[in-house]
Amino acid sequence: MDTASPEFAANREAMLARLEELAAEHAKALAGGGPKYVDRHHGRGKLLARERIELLIDPDTAFLELSPLAAWGTDYTVGASVVTGIGVVSGVECLIVANDPTVRGGASNPWTLRKTFRATDIAADNRLPVINLVESGGADLPSQSEIFIPGGRVFRDLTRASAARLPTVTLVFGNSTAGGAYIPGMSDHVVMVKERAKVFLAGPPLVKMATGEESNDEELGGAEMHARTSGLADYFAEDEHDALRIGRRIVARLNWRKLGPGPSVPPVEPRYDAEELLGIVPTDLRTPFDPREVIARLVDDSDFDEFKPRYGTSLVTGWASLHGYPIGVLANARGVLFSAESQKATQFIQLANSADIPLLFLQNTTGYMVGKKYEQAGIIKHGAAMINAVSNSTVPHLTVVMGASYGAGNYGMCGRAYDPRFLFTWPNAKSAVMGPAQLAGVLSIVARQAAAAKGQPYDEETDRNLRAMVEQQIEQQSLAPFLSGRLYDDGIIDPRDTRTVLGICLSIIHNAPIRGTDRFGVFRM
């Protein structure tokens, strides 16, 4: 790769521009409810959600935030009034869910649920303890019809985690009322903050309306009452810092052990600079690039043993290690997947399962090849075999969308619907059923045929306007922030951080056993 070429410089500038746009969107999530509500919260002597997380996790360790742009492009605040992610607490990797009380009092809206459900799925799949940092007014009432019924899953997941011997810890910093009271009620370990925690099924006004009884917050659900009388509080904290200290001590006493193997070799930094990842992907995603250049900047010592390098050359497959963990890599080279690439991928996935090796999918695909020649050669059954292998593979999958992710190529390369343990995108990535121009063209052809069938003239001006409108709509809905806002990934990352993010993910997935399968169903030959 020529890092001094004009193409490289143009790619780099385009990626830096996307990263600048991404930083502006992330700033919206970090702002929470805005300066007014942040100042009000601090004025009450309380910490913000991310401040609580920073004090909870071990010093100088990373916090892998998940879905920070959830609800982007909707009527709800970016971030969905909750912060989720994975951090190391007392040496243990834990899933952390923290309400953001500066956004409508931390109330839950439909996107809060989607984001929380994705986080708890990650905890279950990767065998992680769960820590809830609670300060929430419960359901966001104007959207109650969308959250009341599905919201019950929050409590189901907590009890199932406990049954699966995944510890659940809840620290209550403020309100945890109505249905929210069941979060501490269904957790294994509960900490409540003195004169701050308020945990009850119904507050004083509702109690008076329902029973005529006069009571105050402390009598109904204060930390002192729950510590002395009801027994719901296992630990009584003097303030927020004390609660976080107690939470760290609880995790330290869990006697937690990873069930997966550790790194098999010492990690070695790549020979090539991660900074160069900014200039590899072309500004026009229709232009192919060599994914080996990306692999060389991700894997240990840039050491990659390629599998079938002369067969099915638009898909690169091979073996490497990343931060000392063994991985198998599948990376799109020229976008299109043909029959040979599909067969190669199918065999490679079977080999990874036979050796209990996690798989990394690096997506840049326009989908499976179409046309009479390829249909007659069996592209459907070969593509189906690849999707079969991806669907039934039981080793952990990690996916990074580097560029395009269109059509069934998204499926074959382990898109969101195929449950990769983690899926991240680069800021330039796009995903849709097909490219905007192709989709608009298909609609135009269909409309022309419909007019011809009815014997009606076709309006060319209307056709041009329709195509332009459709292309613009699909382009907007294909962009990374739109897709991330709908939780179709776990976050948009700086390409330079990819190795670090994947290293954290590999460590996380090894909390659970790593086991492949030999059961793939019927492959059409």
Protein backbone atom coordinates (compact mmCIF):
# COMPACT_ATOMS: atom_id res chain seq x y z
CA MET A 1 0.00 0.00 0.00
CA ASP A 2 1.35 3.40 -0.99
CA THR A 3 0.72 5.69 1.95
CA ALA A 4 2.13 8.64 -0.03
CA SER A 5 -0.39 8.33 -2.87
CA PRO A 6 -3.08 10.98 -3.56
CA GLU A 7 -5.75 8.25 -3.15
CA PHE A 8 -4.51 7.39 0.34
CA ALA A 9 -4.51 11.08 1.33
CA ALA A 10 -8.04 11.56 -0.01
CA ASN A 11 -9.30 8.49 1.84
CA ARG A 12 -7.68 9.69 5.04
CA GLU A 13 -9.20 13.16 4.78
CA ALA A 14 -12.64 11.70 4.11
CA MET A 15 -12.38 9.38 7.10
CA LEU A 16 -11.19 12.19 9.38
CA ALA A 17 -14.20 14.25 8.27
CA ARG A 18 -16.52 11.36 9.18
CA LEU A 19 -14.79 11.02 12.55
CA GLU A 20 -15.34 14.72 13.21
CA GLU A 21 -19.04 14.30 12.44
CA LEU A 22 -19.13 11.25 14.72
CA ALA A 23 -17.54 13.20 17.58
CA ALA A 24 -20.31 15.79 17.30
CA GLU A 25 -22.96 13.07 17.54
CA HIS A 26 -21.24 11.42 20.51
CA ALA A 27 -21.14 14.83 22.22
CA LYS A 28 -24.95 14.86 22.12
CA ALA A 29 -25.03 11.60 24.08
CA LEU A 30 -22.45 12.87 26.56
CA ALA A 31 -24.49 16.04 27.10
CA GLY A 32 -27.38 14.00 28.52
CA GLY A 33 -30.33 16.27 29.24
CA GLY A 34 -28.28 19.40 28.63
CA PRO A 35 -26.47 21.96 30.85
CA LYS A 36 -29.58 22.98 32.80
CA TYR A 37 -30.31 19.47 34.07
CA VAL A 38 -26.67 18.52 34.48
CA ASP A 39 -26.10 21.59 36.68
CA ARG A 40 -29.26 20.85 38.66
CA HIS A 41 -28.10 17.27 39.24
CA HIS A 42 -24.62 18.36 40.35
CA GLY A 43 -26.21 21.05 42.51
CA ARG A 44 -27.91 18.30 44.49
CA GLY A 45 -24.53 16.77 45.22
CA LYS A 46 -25.04 13.88 42.82
CA LEU A 47 -22.74 12.29 40.27
CA LEU A 48 -23.61 11.83 36.61
CA ALA A 49 -24.03 8.36 35.16
CA ARG A 50 -20.60 8.28 33.49
CA GLU A 51 -18.98 9.75 36.61
CA ARG A 52 -20.42 6.89 38.64
CA ILE A 53 -19.09 4.38 36.12
CA GLU A 54 -15.64 6.02 36.15
CA LEU A 55 -15.44 5.61 39.93
CA LEU A 56 -16.81 2.07 39.83
CA ILE A 57 -14.36 0.55 37.35
CA ASP A 58 -10.71 -0.14 38.13
CA PRO A 59 -8.33 2.82 37.71
CA ASP A 60 -6.69 3.15 34.27
CA THR A 61 -8.93 0.52 32.68
CA ALA A 62 -11.11 0.97 29.62
CA PHE A 63 -14.89 1.20 29.59
CA LEU A 64 -16.33 -0.24 26.37
CA GLU A 65 -19.50 1.80 25.96
CA LEU A 66 -22.24 0.10 23.95
CA SER A 67 -24.80 1.75 21.66
CA PRO A 68 -23.95 5.35 22.63
CA LEU A 69 -25.99 6.70 19.68
CA ALA A 70 -29.16 4.75 20.49
CA ALA A 71 -32.27 6.72 19.51
CA TRP A 72 -30.29 8.93 17.07
CA GLY A 73 -32.63 10.39 14.48
CA THR A 74 -35.75 9.82 16.62
CA ASP A 75 -37.80 12.10 18.87
CA TYR A 76 -35.93 10.81 21.91
CA THR A 77 -32.65 12.09 23.34
CA VAL A 78 -29.54 10.53 21.80
CA GLY A 79 -28.30 7.83 24.18
CA ALA A 80 -31.83 6.78 25.20
CA SER A 81 -31.45 8.00 28.83
CA VAL A 82 -29.21 5.10 29.81
CA VAL A 83 -25.49 4.29 29.59
CA THR A 84 -24.50 0.68 28.99
CA GLY A 85 -21.11 -0.94 28.57
CA ILE A 86 -18.49 -3.31 29.89
CA GLY A 87 -15.81 -2.41 32.40
CA VAL A 88 -13.42 -4.12 34.76
CA VAL A 89 -14.55 -3.94 38.40
CA SER A 90 -12.18 -5.40 41.01
CA GLY A 91 -10.52 -7.38 38.24
CA VAL A 92 -13.82 -8.77 36.87
CA GLU A 93 -15.35 -7.83 33.51
CA CYS A 94 -18.91 -6.69 34.25
CA LEU A 95 -21.87 -5.45 32.22
CA ILE A 96 -22.84 -2.04 33.62
CA VAL A 97 -26.24 -0.36 33.10
CA ALA A 98 -26.53 3.18 34.45
CA ASN A 99 -29.64 5.38 34.24
CA ASP A 100 -29.00 8.97 33.14
CA PRO A 101 -31.17 11.01 35.53
CA THR A 102 -30.53 14.25 33.59
CA VAL A 103 -32.77 12.94 30.78
CA ARG A 104 -36.38 13.11 31.97
CA GLY A 105 -35.35 11.85 35.39
CA GLY A 106 -33.83 8.70 33.91
CA ALA A 107 -37.27 7.52 32.77
CA SER A 108 -37.32 4.62 30.32
CA ASN A 109 -38.60 5.06 26.77
CA PRO A 110 -38.83 2.45 23.97
CA TRP A 111 -35.20 2.98 22.98
CA THR A 112 -34.09 2.61 26.60
CA LEU A 113 -35.60 -0.86 26.54
CA ARG A 114 -33.98 -1.83 23.24
CA LYS A 115 -30.59 -0.65 24.46
CA THR A 116 -30.95 -2.40 27.82
CA PHE A 117 -32.12 -5.64 26.20
CA ARG A 118 -29.10 -5.66 23.89
CA ALA A 119 -26.83 -5.15 26.91
CA THR A 120 -28.40 -7.99 28.90
CA ASP A 121 -28.16 -10.27 25.86
CA ILE A 122 -24.43 -9.56 25.78
CA ALA A 123 -24.16 -10.37 29.48
CA ALA A 124 -25.99 -13.68 29.02
CA ASP A 125 -24.05 -14.74 25.90
CA ASN A 126 -20.67 -13.89 27.37
CA ARG A 127 -21.34 -14.89 31.00
CA LEU A 128 -20.87 -11.50 32.65
CA PRO A 129 -21.97 -10.26 36.07
CA VAL A 130 -24.45 -7.37 35.79
CA ILE A 131 -24.24 -4.11 37.76
CA ASN A 132 -27.20 -1.70 37.70
CA LEU A 133 -26.62 1.92 38.76
CA VAL A 134 -30.20 2.98 39.38
CA GLU A 135 -31.79 6.40 39.47
CA SER A 136 -34.93 6.39 37.39
CA GLY A 137 -38.46 7.70 37.49
CA GLY A 138 -39.68 4.48 35.88
CA ALA A 139 -41.59 4.49 32.61
CA ASP A 140 -41.72 7.59 30.43
CA LEU A 141 -45.51 7.80 30.67
CA PRO A 142 -46.29 9.37 27.25
CA SER A 143 -44.76 6.26 25.64
CA GLN A 144 -46.12 3.75 28.15
CA SER A 145 -48.07 1.83 25.49
CA GLU A 146 -44.77 0.91 23.80
CA ILE A 147 -42.85 -0.02 26.94
CA PHE A 148 -45.22 -1.47 29.54
CA ILE A 149 -45.66 -4.95 28.07
CA PRO A 150 -42.15 -5.51 26.61
CA GLY A 151 -40.63 -3.83 29.68
CA GLY A 152 -41.36 -6.87 31.79
CA ARG A 153 -38.41 -8.55 30.12
CA VAL A 154 -36.05 -6.39 32.23
CA PHE A 155 -37.13 -8.28 35.35
CA ARG A 156 -37.23 -11.63 33.55
CA ASP A 157 -33.62 -11.15 32.44
CA LEU A 158 -32.50 -10.29 35.97
CA THR A 159 -34.02 -13.43 37.45
CA ARG A 160 -32.72 -15.62 34.62
CA ALA A 161 -29.23 -14.21 35.11
CA SER A 162 -29.39 -15.12 38.78
CA ALA A 163 -30.59 -18.63 37.90
CA ALA A 164 -27.68 -18.95 35.45
CA ARG A 165 -25.29 -18.07 38.31
CA LEU A 166 -24.49 -14.68 36.82
CA PRO A 167 -24.34 -12.31 39.80
CA THR A 168 -26.59 -9.24 39.67
CA VAL A 169 -25.70 -6.18 41.72
CA THR A 170 -27.83 -3.05 42.07
CA LEU A 171 -26.70 0.27 43.54
CA VAL A 172 -29.64 2.61 44.17
CA PHE A 173 -28.72 6.31 44.06
CA GLY A 174 -32.18 7.86 43.85
CA ASN A 175 -35.68 6.96 42.72
CA SER A 176 -36.44 3.36 41.84
CA THR A 177 -40.19 3.42 41.89
CA ALA A 178 -43.18 1.46 40.60
CA GLY A 179 -41.94 -1.27 38.25
CA GLY A 180 -38.40 0.02 38.82
CA ALA A 181 -38.62 -1.18 42.42
CA TYR A 182 -38.35 -4.74 41.11
CA ILE A 183 -34.81 -4.12 39.85
CA PRO A 184 -33.35 -4.15 43.38
CA GLY A 185 -36.08 -6.61 44.37
CA MET A 186 -34.82 -9.15 41.82
CA SER A 187 -31.07 -8.55 42.21
CA ASP A 188 -28.68 -10.75 44.19
CA HIS A 189 -26.94 -7.84 45.95
CA VAL A 190 -28.49 -4.45 46.76
CA VAL A 191 -26.84 -1.24 47.98
CA MET A 192 -28.91 1.84 48.89
CA VAL A 193 -27.66 5.36 49.53
CA LYS A 194 -28.70 7.09 52.76
CA GLU A 195 -31.45 9.71 52.35
CA ARG A 196 -31.21 9.36 48.54
CA ALA A 197 -32.57 5.94 47.61
CA LYS A 198 -36.35 5.78 47.21
CA VAL A 199 -37.62 2.28 46.44
CA PHE A 200 -41.37 1.67 46.57
CA LEU A 201 -44.16 0.31 44.39
CA ALA A 202 -46.26 3.45 44.96
CA GLY A 203 -45.26 6.89 46.19
CA PRO A 204 -47.05 8.84 48.94
CA PRO A 205 -49.66 10.48 46.62
CA LEU A 206 -50.68 7.17 45.05
CA VAL A 207 -50.77 5.43 48.43
CA LYS A 208 -53.07 8.15 49.76
CA MET A 209 -55.33 7.83 46.74
CA ALA A 210 -55.43 4.04 46.95
CA THR A 211 -55.63 3.49 50.70
CA GLY A 212 -56.10 6.88 52.36
CA GLU A 213 -52.83 6.31 54.25
CA GLU A 214 -50.55 9.26 55.03
CA SER A 215 -46.81 8.52 54.64
CA ASN A 216 -43.57 10.07 53.45
CA ASP A 217 -40.81 8.89 51.09
CA GLU A 218 -38.52 7.64 53.84
CA GLU A 219 -41.22 5.59 55.57
CA LEU A 220 -42.33 4.05 52.30
CA GLY A 221 -39.01 3.30 50.67
CA GLY A 222 -36.00 5.04 52.16
CA ALA A 223 -32.62 3.35 52.49
CA GLU A 224 -32.84 3.36 56.30
CA MET A 225 -36.22 1.60 56.26
CA HIS A 226 -35.12 -1.01 53.73
CA ALA A 227 -31.88 -1.65 55.65
CA ARG A 228 -33.56 -1.97 59.06
CA THR A 229 -37.16 -3.06 58.44
CA SER A 230 -37.95 -4.61 55.06
CA GLY A 231 -34.51 -6.15 54.54
CA LEU A 232 -34.47 -5.22 50.84
CA ALA A 233 -31.18 -3.33 51.26
CA ASP A 234 -28.21 -5.61 51.86
CA TYR A 235 -25.82 -2.69 52.30
CA PHE A 236 -26.42 0.84 53.62
CA ALA A 237 -24.17 3.48 52.02
CA GLU A 238 -23.46 6.87 53.56
CA ASP A 239 -23.18 8.58 50.15
CA GLU A 240 -22.63 7.84 46.47
CA HIS A 241 -18.89 7.30 46.78
CA ASP A 242 -19.49 4.86 49.62
CA ALA A 243 -22.05 2.97 47.52
CA LEU A 244 -19.54 2.62 44.67
CA ARG A 245 -16.88 1.43 47.14
CA ILE A 246 -19.29 -1.19 48.50
CA GLY A 247 -20.19 -2.24 44.94
CA ARG A 248 -16.51 -2.84 44.16
CA ARG A 249 -16.13 -4.92 47.34
CA ILE A 250 -19.17 -7.05 46.42
CA VAL A 251 -17.60 -7.89 43.06
CA ALA A 252 -14.26 -8.59 44.70
CA ARG A 253 -15.98 -11.23 46.89
CA LEU A 254 -17.76 -13.03 44.04
CA ASN A 255 -14.96 -15.55 43.58
CA TRP A 256 -15.46 -15.06 39.84
CA ARG A 257 -13.59 -17.26 37.35
CA LYS A 258 -13.49 -17.24 33.57
CA LEU A 259 -14.47 -20.53 31.99
CA GLY A 260 -12.81 -19.92 28.62
CA PRO A 261 -9.09 -20.26 27.90
CA GLY A 262 -6.76 -17.30 28.23
CA PRO A 263 -4.47 -16.00 25.47
CA SER A 264 -2.53 -18.85 23.88
CA VAL A 265 0.51 -16.77 22.89
CA PRO A 266 2.05 -13.51 24.12
CA PRO A 267 0.51 -10.53 22.30
CA VAL A 268 2.75 -8.70 19.83
CA GLU A 269 1.94 -5.31 18.31
CA PRO A 270 1.34 -5.26 14.54
CA ARG A 271 4.29 -4.30 12.35
CA TYR A 272 2.20 -1.65 10.62
CA ASP A 273 0.84 1.57 12.12
CA ALA A 274 -2.88 1.65 13.03
CA GLU A 275 -2.91 5.30 11.94
CA GLU A 276 -2.73 4.03 8.36
CA LEU A 277 -6.18 2.44 8.68
CA LEU A 278 -7.63 5.89 8.01
CA GLY A 279 -6.41 5.87 4.42
CA ILE A 280 -7.20 2.31 3.34
CA VAL A 281 -10.95 2.37 2.66
CA PRO A 282 -11.83 4.33 -0.52
CA THR A 283 -14.25 7.23 -0.34
CA ASP A 284 -16.32 5.46 -3.00
CA LEU A 285 -17.35 2.15 -1.43
CA ARG A 286 -17.80 0.65 -4.90
CA THR A 287 -14.01 0.75 -5.28
CA PRO A 288 -12.44 -2.47 -3.96
CA PHE A 289 -9.50 -2.50 -1.55
CA ASP A 290 -7.26 -5.24 -0.18
CA PRO A 291 -8.47 -6.28 3.30
CA ARG A 292 -5.04 -7.80 3.99
CA GLU A 293 -3.91 -4.22 4.58
CA VAL A 294 -6.50 -3.96 7.36
CA ILE A 295 -5.64 -7.39 8.78
CA ALA A 296 -1.95 -6.46 8.87
CA ARG A 297 -2.78 -3.54 11.18
CA LEU A 298 -5.03 -5.56 13.51
CA VAL A 299 -3.45 -8.96 14.19
CA ASP A 300 -0.43 -9.80 16.33
CA ASP A 301 2.90 -9.19 14.58
CA SER A 302 0.89 -8.72 11.34
CA ASP A 303 1.23 -12.52 11.06
CA PHE A 304 -1.56 -14.03 8.95
CA ASP A 305 -1.71 -17.56 7.55
CA GLU A 306 -4.07 -17.33 4.59
CA PHE A 307 -6.39 -20.24 3.79
CA LYS A 308 -7.10 -21.05 0.11
CA PRO A 309 -5.45 -17.83 -1.14
CA ARG A 310 -5.85 -18.79 -4.84
CA TYR A 311 -9.45 -19.96 -4.61
CA GLY A 312 -12.45 -17.67 -4.25
CA THR A 313 -10.15 -14.65 -4.23
CA SER A 314 -12.81 -12.03 -3.47
CA LEU A 315 -13.00 -13.42 0.08
CA VAL A 316 -9.86 -13.56 2.22
CA THR A 317 -9.80 -16.24 4.93
CA GLY A 318 -7.05 -17.25 7.33
CA TRP A 319 -5.68 -17.71 10.82
CA ALA A 320 -4.04 -15.25 13.20
CA SER A 321 -3.91 -14.20 16.82
CA LEU A 322 -5.10 -10.91 18.29
CA HIS A 323 -3.91 -9.83 21.72
CA GLY A 324 -2.75 -13.44 22.11
CA TYR A 325 -6.14 -15.02 21.34
CA PRO A 326 -6.44 -17.30 18.29
CA ILE A 327 -8.92 -16.12 15.65
CA GLY A 328 -10.13 -17.05 12.19
CA VAL A 329 -10.66 -14.11 9.83
CA LEU A 330 -13.10 -13.75 6.92
CA ALA A 331 -12.71 -10.47 5.00
CA ASN A 332 -14.30 -9.29 1.78
CA ALA A 333 -11.78 -8.35 -0.90
CA ARG A 334 -13.83 -7.26 -3.91
CA GLY A 335 -17.27 -6.94 -2.41
CA VAL A 336 -19.13 -9.55 -4.44
CA LEU A 337 -19.46 -13.12 -3.14
CA PHE A 338 -19.42 -15.84 -5.82
CA SER A 339 -19.98 -19.60 -5.49
CA ALA A 340 -16.29 -20.28 -4.87
CA GLU A 341 -16.15 -17.71 -2.05
CA SER A 342 -19.26 -19.20 -0.48
CA GLN A 343 -17.84 -22.73 -0.55
CA LYS A 344 -14.51 -21.51 0.80
CA ALA A 345 -16.23 -19.69 3.68
CA THR A 346 -18.37 -22.71 4.51
CA GLN A 347 -15.35 -24.98 4.84
CA PHE A 348 -13.40 -22.38 6.80
CA ILE A 349 -16.23 -21.90 9.32
CA GLN A 350 -16.42 -25.66 9.82
CA LEU A 351 -12.67 -25.78 10.46
CA ALA A 352 -12.90 -22.99 13.04
CA ASN A 353 -15.66 -24.86 14.85
CA SER A 354 -13.66 -28.08 14.85
CA ALA A 355 -10.78 -26.21 16.53
CA ASP A 356 -12.90 -24.04 18.91
CA ILE A 357 -11.54 -20.82 17.36
CA PRO A 358 -13.57 -17.56 17.40
CA LEU A 359 -14.29 -15.92 14.03
CA LEU A 360 -13.79 -12.30 12.98
CA PHE A 361 -15.85 -11.06 10.00
CA LEU A 362 -14.57 -7.91 8.26
CA GLN A 363 -17.45 -6.76 6.07
CA ASN A 364 -17.20 -4.88 2.80
CA THR A 365 -19.72 -6.64 0.59
CA THR A 366 -22.27 -5.76 -2.06
CA GLY A 367 -23.88 -9.18 -1.74
CA TYR A 368 -23.97 -12.45 -3.69
CA MET A 369 -23.44 -12.36 -7.46
CA VAL A 370 -26.52 -12.30 -9.67
CA GLY A 371 -27.09 -13.10 -13.32
CA LYS A 372 -28.04 -16.06 -15.53
CA LYS A 373 -24.56 -17.59 -15.54
CA TYR A 374 -24.28 -17.51 -11.75
CA GLU A 375 -27.83 -18.68 -11.07
CA GLN A 376 -27.27 -21.69 -13.31
CA ALA A 377 -23.97 -22.40 -11.52
CA GLY A 378 -25.84 -22.64 -8.19
CA ILE A 379 -25.15 -19.33 -6.44
CA ILE A 380 -28.34 -19.74 -4.38
CA LYS A 381 -27.40 -23.11 -2.90
CA HIS A 382 -23.74 -22.11 -2.38
CA GLY A 383 -24.72 -18.85 -0.69
CA ALA A 384 -27.26 -20.78 1.37
CA ALA A 385 -24.53 -23.18 2.51
CA MET A 386 -22.43 -20.24 3.72
CA ILE A 387 -25.38 -18.70 5.56
CA ASN A 388 -26.16 -22.15 7.02
CA ALA A 389 -22.60 -22.38 8.34
CA VAL A 390 -22.74 -18.88 9.85
CA SER A 391 -26.15 -19.55 11.40
CA ASN A 392 -25.19 -22.82 13.07
CA SER A 393 -21.59 -22.06 14.03
CA THR A 394 -21.29 -21.99 17.83
CA VAL A 395 -17.85 -20.41 18.24
CA PRO A 396 -18.13 -16.70 19.10
CA HIS A 397 -18.38 -14.33 16.14
CA LEU A 398 -17.13 -10.73 16.05
CA THR A 399 -18.12 -8.46 13.14
CA VAL A 400 -16.69 -5.15 11.94
CA VAL A 401 -18.36 -3.34 9.04
CA MET A 402 -15.48 -1.59 7.27
CA GLY A 403 -17.39 -0.32 4.25
CA ALA A 404 -20.42 -1.62 2.34
CA SER A 405 -22.82 -4.17 3.78
CA TYR A 406 -25.54 -4.78 1.22
CA GLY A 407 -28.05 -7.50 0.49
CA ALA A 408 -27.60 -11.09 1.60
CA GLY A 409 -23.87 -10.41 1.89
CA ASN A 410 -24.76 -8.80 5.22
CA TYR A 411 -26.23 -12.15 6.28
CA GLY A 412 -23.42 -14.36 5.00
CA MET A 413 -20.82 -12.13 6.67
CA CYS A 414 -22.59 -12.37 10.04
CA GLY A 415 -24.70 -9.23 10.23
CA ARG A 416 -26.83 -8.31 13.23
CA ALA A 417 -29.53 -10.91 12.50
CA TYR A 418 -26.95 -13.70 12.92
CA ASP A 419 -26.11 -12.82 16.53
CA PRO A 420 -22.42 -11.95 16.50
CA ARG A 421 -21.28 -11.47 20.07
CA PHE A 422 -20.30 -7.91 19.10
CA LEU A 423 -20.77 -5.86 15.93
CA PHE A 424 -19.07 -2.52 15.34
CA THR A 425 -18.98 -0.23 12.32
CA TRP A 426 -16.55 2.30 10.94
CA PRO A 427 -17.89 5.85 10.38
CA ASN A 428 -17.91 5.46 6.58
CA ALA A 429 -19.93 2.22 6.61
CA LYS A 430 -23.23 1.85 4.79
CA SER A 431 -25.82 -0.92 4.91
CA ALA A 432 -29.09 -1.54 3.05
CA VAL A 433 -30.89 -4.11 0.96
CA MET A 434 -28.96 -2.66 -2.02
CA GLY A 435 -27.23 0.55 -3.07
CA PRO A 436 -29.40 3.70 -3.40
CA ALA A 437 -28.95 3.99 -7.18
CA GLN A 438 -29.72 0.30 -7.71
CA LEU A 439 -32.83 0.41 -5.54
CA ALA A 440 -34.13 3.55 -7.24
CA GLY A 441 -33.43 1.96 -10.62
CA VAL A 442 -35.35 -1.18 -9.72
CA LEU A 443 -38.39 0.87 -8.66
CA SER A 444 -38.17 2.81 -11.93
CA ILE A 445 -38.10 -0.38 -14.02
CA VAL A 446 -41.09 -1.80 -12.13
CA ALA A 447 -43.04 1.43 -12.61
CA ARG A 448 -42.25 1.49 -16.35
CA GLN A 449 -43.40 -2.11 -16.75
CA ALA A 450 -46.63 -1.39 -14.85
CA ALA A 451 -47.37 1.59 -17.11
CA ALA A 452 -46.64 -0.44 -20.24
CA ALA A 453 -48.90 -3.26 -19.07
CA LYS A 454 -51.76 -0.78 -18.71
CA GLY A 455 -51.00 0.84 -22.05
CA GLN A 456 -50.30 4.17 -20.36
CA PRO A 457 -47.52 6.67 -21.23
CA TYR A 458 -44.67 6.93 -18.72
CA ASP A 459 -43.87 10.35 -17.27
CA GLU A 460 -40.09 10.83 -17.46
CA GLU A 461 -40.12 13.90 -15.22
CA THR A 462 -41.97 12.01 -12.50
CA ASP A 463 -39.49 9.16 -12.91
CA ARG A 464 -36.50 11.47 -12.39
CA ASN A 465 -38.07 13.01 -9.30
CA LEU A 466 -38.97 9.59 -7.88
CA ARG A 467 -35.46 8.26 -8.42
CA ALA A 468 -33.87 11.30 -6.80
CA MET A 469 -36.19 11.09 -3.78
CA VAL A 470 -35.62 7.35 -3.31
CA GLU A 471 -31.85 7.65 -3.68
CA GLN A 472 -31.74 10.42 -1.07
CA GLN A 473 -33.93 8.47 1.36
CA ILE A 474 -31.97 5.22 1.01
CA GLU A 475 -28.66 7.06 1.26
CA GLN A 476 -29.73 8.64 4.57
CA GLN A 477 -31.03 5.34 5.93
CA SER A 478 -27.82 3.54 4.92
CA LEU A 479 -25.49 5.76 6.94
CA ALA A 480 -23.72 4.56 10.07
CA PRO A 481 -25.38 6.98 12.57
CA PHE A 482 -28.87 6.01 11.36
CA LEU A 483 -28.12 2.30 11.71
CA SER A 484 -26.35 2.72 15.04
CA GLY A 485 -29.26 4.79 16.34
CA ARG A 486 -31.49 1.77 15.71
CA LEU A 487 -29.05 -0.55 17.51
CA TYR A 488 -28.09 -2.45 14.36
CA ASP A 489 -24.54 -2.30 15.72
CA ASP A 490 -22.95 -1.98 19.15
CA GLY A 491 -21.29 1.30 18.29
CA ILE A 492 -19.38 3.24 15.64
CA ILE A 493 -15.65 3.13 16.31
CA ASP A 494 -12.56 4.97 15.09
CA PRO A 495 -10.72 2.54 12.77
CA ARG A 496 -7.53 3.19 14.76
CA ASP A 497 -9.24 1.75 17.86
CA THR A 498 -10.31 -1.47 16.16
CA ARG A 499 -7.52 -3.67 17.50
CA THR A 500 -8.09 -2.43 21.06
CA VAL A 501 -11.87 -2.87 20.85
CA LEU A 502 -11.50 -6.38 19.41
CA GLY A 503 -8.97 -7.26 22.11
CA ILE A 504 -11.44 -6.21 24.82
CA CYS A 505 -14.18 -8.22 23.11
CA LEU A 506 -11.99 -11.33 22.86
CA SER A 507 -11.23 -11.10 26.56
CA ILE A 508 -14.96 -10.69 27.29
CA ILE A 509 -16.11 -13.68 25.23
CA HIS A 510 -13.63 -15.92 27.03
CA ASN A 511 -15.63 -15.53 30.25
CA ALA A 512 -17.72 -18.35 28.78
CA PRO A 513 -16.51 -21.67 27.35
CA ILE A 514 -15.50 -21.60 23.67
CA ARG A 515 -16.98 -24.61 21.92
CA GLY A 516 -17.54 -25.31 18.24
CA THR A 517 -20.12 -27.60 16.70
CA ASP A 518 -20.25 -30.34 14.10
CA ARG A 519 -23.99 -29.93 13.50
CA PHE A 520 -24.77 -27.73 10.52
CA GLY A 521 -27.92 -29.25 9.12
CA VAL A 522 -28.19 -30.17 5.43
CA PHE A 523 -25.83 -28.51 2.95
CA ARG A 524 -27.15 -28.48 -0.61
CA MET A 525 -24.41 -29.80 -2.87
